């Protein structure tokens, strides 16, 4: 399920979220952004109730792109309790990205969150 996330909904959907949020900044022209989508979908299916996965089109949300000083796409950021806890600007391949995603979740498990059955809510900017 895809729901919009944008400059106007970011505060509510990300900063105000009761659970951690993994934000995926992307753009339609970014080939690597499209290449990692299946891995992010797999990640989404594996973790439930612990994290929201939100896709934000950086081209359509320049305020956020500037605010978070995006210099490369894709960029992944993990927010918890309204604070950016981790940021991933680069990776060498799918294995490197997968390792980083698993690292994000290990950090969350140490914070007291547990793995559950179900789906992560995915938001996509339009």
C-alpha atoms as a PDB file:
ATOM      1  CA  UNK A   1       0.000   0.000   0.000  1.00  0.00           C
ATOM      2  CA  UNK A   2       1.364   3.418  -0.963  1.00  0.00           C
ATOM      3  CA  UNK A   3       0.435   6.611   0.852  1.00  0.00           C
ATOM      4  CA  UNK A   4       1.804  10.089   0.118  1.00  0.00           C
ATOM      5  CA  UNK A   5       4.666  11.558   2.119  1.00  0.00           C
ATOM      6  CA  UNK A   6       5.858  15.070   1.385  1.00  0.00           C
ATOM      7  CA  UNK A   7       7.184  18.313   2.818  1.00  0.00           C
ATOM      8  CA  UNK A   8       3.758  18.947   4.334  1.00  0.00           C
ATOM      9  CA  UNK A   9       3.263  15.484   5.899  1.00  0.00           C
ATOM     10  CA  UNK A  10       6.854  14.805   6.997  1.00  0.00           C
ATOM     11  CA  UNK A  11       6.451  16.186  10.524  1.00  0.00           C
ATOM     12  CA  UNK A  12       3.414  14.016  11.198  1.00  0.00           C
ATOM     13  CA  UNK A  13       4.447  10.841   9.373  1.00  0.00           C
ATOM     14  CA  UNK A  14       8.126  10.809  10.339  1.00  0.00           C
ATOM     15  CA  UNK A  15       8.935  13.081  13.259  1.00  0.00           C
ATOM     16  CA  UNK A  16       5.653  12.387  15.055  1.00  0.00           C
ATOM     17  CA  UNK A  17       5.627   8.648  14.460  1.00  0.00           C
ATOM     18  CA  UNK A  18       5.293   6.439  17.553  1.00  0.00           C
ATOM     19  CA  UNK A  19       7.585   3.856  15.896  1.00  0.00           C
ATOM     20  CA  UNK A  20      10.933   4.328  14.120  1.00  0.00           C
ATOM     21  CA  UNK A  21      10.788   5.427  10.482  1.00  0.00           C
ATOM     22  CA  UNK A  22      13.210   4.519   7.696  1.00  0.00           C
ATOM     23  CA  UNK A  23      13.040   7.274   5.072  1.00  0.00           C
ATOM     24  CA  UNK A  24      14.141   6.470   1.518  1.00  0.00           C
ATOM     25  CA  UNK A  25      14.878   9.642  -0.460  1.00  0.00           C
ATOM     26  CA  UNK A  26      14.750   8.844  -4.172  1.00  0.00           C
ATOM     27  CA  UNK A  27      14.095  10.393  -7.598  1.00  0.00           C
ATOM     28  CA  UNK A  28      12.516   9.018 -10.786  1.00  0.00           C
ATOM     29  CA  UNK A  29      15.736   9.520 -12.789  1.00  0.00           C
ATOM     30  CA  UNK A  30      17.849   7.631 -10.210  1.00  0.00           C
ATOM     31  CA  UNK A  31      18.639   4.134 -11.508  1.00  0.00           C
ATOM     32  CA  UNK A  32      20.142   2.979  -8.221  1.00  0.00           C
ATOM     33  CA  UNK A  33      16.992   4.118  -6.400  1.00  0.00           C
ATOM     34  CA  UNK A  34      14.932   1.813  -8.623  1.00  0.00           C
ATOM     35  CA  UNK A  35      17.447  -1.018  -8.220  1.00  0.00           C
ATOM     36  CA  UNK A  36      17.190  -1.073  -4.416  1.00  0.00           C
ATOM     37  CA  UNK A  37      13.370  -1.022  -4.345  1.00  0.00           C
ATOM     38  CA  UNK A  38      13.090  -4.856  -4.349  1.00  0.00           C
ATOM     39  CA  UNK A  39      15.516  -5.049  -1.424  1.00  0.00           C
ATOM     40  CA  UNK A  40      13.540  -2.421   0.482  1.00  0.00           C
ATOM     41  CA  UNK A  41      10.337  -4.364  -0.250  1.00  0.00           C
ATOM     42  CA  UNK A  42      11.970  -7.525   1.127  1.00  0.00           C
ATOM     43  CA  UNK A  43      13.053  -5.566   4.189  1.00  0.00           C
ATOM     44  CA  UNK A  44       9.486  -4.280   4.522  1.00  0.00           C
ATOM     45  CA  UNK A  45       8.129  -7.821   4.479  1.00  0.00           C
ATOM     46  CA  UNK A  46      10.595  -9.061   7.097  1.00  0.00           C
ATOM     47  CA  UNK A  47      10.073  -6.392   9.755  1.00  0.00           C
ATOM     48  CA  UNK A  48       6.703  -5.581  11.135  1.00  0.00           C
ATOM     49  CA  UNK A  49       5.334  -3.095  13.562  1.00  0.00           C
ATOM     50  CA  UNK A  50       8.886  -1.973  14.326  1.00  0.00           C
ATOM     51  CA  UNK A  51       9.519   0.497  11.545  1.00  0.00           C
ATOM     52  CA  UNK A  52       7.702   2.446   8.860  1.00  0.00           C
ATOM     53  CA  UNK A  53       9.309   2.602   5.442  1.00  0.00           C
ATOM     54  CA  UNK A  54       8.615   5.933   3.776  1.00  0.00           C
ATOM     55  CA  UNK A  55       9.667   6.856   0.230  1.00  0.00           C
ATOM     56  CA  UNK A  56      10.078  10.559  -0.505  1.00  0.00           C
ATOM     57  CA  UNK A  57      10.705  11.906  -3.992  1.00  0.00           C
ATOM     58  CA  UNK A  58      13.545  14.385  -3.440  1.00  0.00           C
ATOM     59  CA  UNK A  59      12.783  16.242  -6.695  1.00  0.00           C
ATOM     60  CA  UNK A  60       9.237  17.008  -5.556  1.00  0.00           C
ATOM     61  CA  UNK A  61      10.204  17.787  -1.957  1.00  0.00           C
ATOM     62  CA  UNK A  62      13.081  20.236  -2.264  1.00  0.00           C
ATOM     63  CA  UNK A  63      12.503  21.697   1.190  1.00  0.00           C
ATOM     64  CA  UNK A  64      13.299  18.318   2.777  1.00  0.00           C
ATOM     65  CA  UNK A  65      16.160  17.667   0.360  1.00  0.00           C
ATOM     66  CA  UNK A  66      17.736  20.965   1.398  1.00  0.00           C
ATOM     67  CA  UNK A  67      16.910  20.579   5.090  1.00  0.00           C
ATOM     68  CA  UNK A  68      18.653  17.188   5.244  1.00  0.00           C
ATOM     69  CA  UNK A  69      21.431  18.291   2.877  1.00  0.00           C
ATOM     70  CA  UNK A  70      20.996  15.498   0.368  1.00  0.00           C
ATOM     71  CA  UNK A  71      24.044  15.240  -1.857  1.00  0.00           C
ATOM     72  CA  UNK A  72      23.401  11.814  -3.345  1.00  0.00           C
ATOM     73  CA  UNK A  73      20.491   9.505  -4.053  1.00  0.00           C
ATOM     74  CA  UNK A  74      19.356   7.187  -2.778  1.00  0.00           C
ATOM     75  CA  UNK A  75      19.753   8.337   0.807  1.00  0.00           C
ATOM     76  CA  UNK A  76      18.303   6.383   3.715  1.00  0.00           C
ATOM     77  CA  UNK A  77      17.693   7.904   7.151  1.00  0.00           C
ATOM     78  CA  UNK A  78      16.410   6.240  10.287  1.00  0.00           C
ATOM     79  CA  UNK A  79      14.340   8.465  12.582  1.00  0.00           C
ATOM     80  CA  UNK A  80      13.306   7.557  16.107  1.00  0.00           C
ATOM     81  CA  UNK A  81      11.341   9.797  18.481  1.00  0.00           C
ATOM     82  CA  UNK A  82      11.616  12.673  16.010  1.00  0.00           C
ATOM     83  CA  UNK A  83      15.425  12.500  15.787  1.00  0.00           C
ATOM     84  CA  UNK A  84      17.556  11.230  12.910  1.00  0.00           C
ATOM     85  CA  UNK A  85      19.542   8.369  14.459  1.00  0.00           C
ATOM     86  CA  UNK A  86      21.352   6.983  11.403  1.00  0.00           C
ATOM     87  CA  UNK A  87      22.025   7.989   7.809  1.00  0.00           C
ATOM     88  CA  UNK A  88      23.220   5.979   4.820  1.00  0.00           C
ATOM     89  CA  UNK A  89      24.404   8.014   1.838  1.00  0.00           C
ATOM     90  CA  UNK A  90      26.389   5.368   0.014  1.00  0.00           C
ATOM     91  CA  UNK A  91      26.842   1.641  -0.235  1.00  0.00           C
ATOM     92  CA  UNK A  92      28.786  -0.686  -2.520  1.00  0.00           C
ATOM     93  CA  UNK A  93      26.050  -3.097  -3.525  1.00  0.00           C
ATOM     94  CA  UNK A  94      23.005  -5.021  -2.393  1.00  0.00           C
ATOM     95  CA  UNK A  95      24.943  -6.925   0.268  1.00  0.00           C
ATOM     96  CA  UNK A  96      26.310  -3.689   1.737  1.00  0.00           C
ATOM     97  CA  UNK A  97      22.830  -2.142   1.776  1.00  0.00           C
ATOM     98  CA  UNK A  98      21.311  -5.270   3.313  1.00  0.00           C
ATOM     99  CA  UNK A  99      23.971  -5.240   6.020  1.00  0.00           C
ATOM    100  CA  UNK A 100      23.172  -1.587   6.784  1.00  0.00           C
ATOM    101  CA  UNK A 101      19.423  -2.304   6.953  1.00  0.00           C
ATOM    102  CA  UNK A 102      20.023  -5.235   9.291  1.00  0.00           C
ATOM    103  CA  UNK A 103      22.232  -2.948  11.371  1.00  0.00           C
ATOM    104  CA  UNK A 104      19.385  -0.424  11.600  1.00  0.00           C
ATOM    105  CA  UNK A 105      17.093  -3.105  12.944  1.00  0.00           C
ATOM    106  CA  UNK A 106      19.649  -4.544  15.373  1.00  0.00           C
ATOM    107  CA  UNK A 107      19.867  -1.053  16.837  1.00  0.00           C
ATOM    108  CA  UNK A 108      16.061  -1.011  17.125  1.00  0.00           C
ATOM    109  CA  UNK A 109      15.973  -4.422  18.809  1.00  0.00           C
ATOM    110  CA  UNK A 110      18.432  -3.177  21.380  1.00  0.00           C
ATOM    111  CA  UNK A 111      16.023  -0.288  21.996  1.00  0.00           C
ATOM    112  CA  UNK A 112      13.342  -2.789  23.019  1.00  0.00           C
ATOM    113  CA  UNK A 113      11.462  -3.233  19.729  1.00  0.00           C
ATOM    114  CA  UNK A 114      10.704  -6.799  18.633  1.00  0.00           C
ATOM    115  CA  UNK A 115      10.218  -8.515  15.276  1.00  0.00           C
ATOM    116  CA  UNK A 116       6.539  -9.314  14.532  1.00  0.00           C
ATOM    117  CA  UNK A 117       4.383 -10.771  11.744  1.00  0.00           C
ATOM    118  CA  UNK A 118       2.610  -8.427   9.310  1.00  0.00           C
ATOM    119  CA  UNK A 119       3.641  -5.510   7.124  1.00  0.00           C
ATOM    120  CA  UNK A 120       5.513  -2.278   7.475  1.00  0.00           C
ATOM    121  CA  UNK A 121       3.477   0.705   6.308  1.00  0.00           C
ATOM    122  CA  UNK A 122       4.976   2.143   3.128  1.00  0.00           C
ATOM    123  CA  UNK A 123       4.435   5.763   2.144  1.00  0.00           C
ATOM    124  CA  UNK A 124       5.406   7.105  -1.274  1.00  0.00           C
ATOM    125  CA  UNK A 125       5.373  10.726  -2.386  1.00  0.00           C
ATOM    126  CA  UNK A 126       3.421  11.453  -5.547  1.00  0.00           C
END
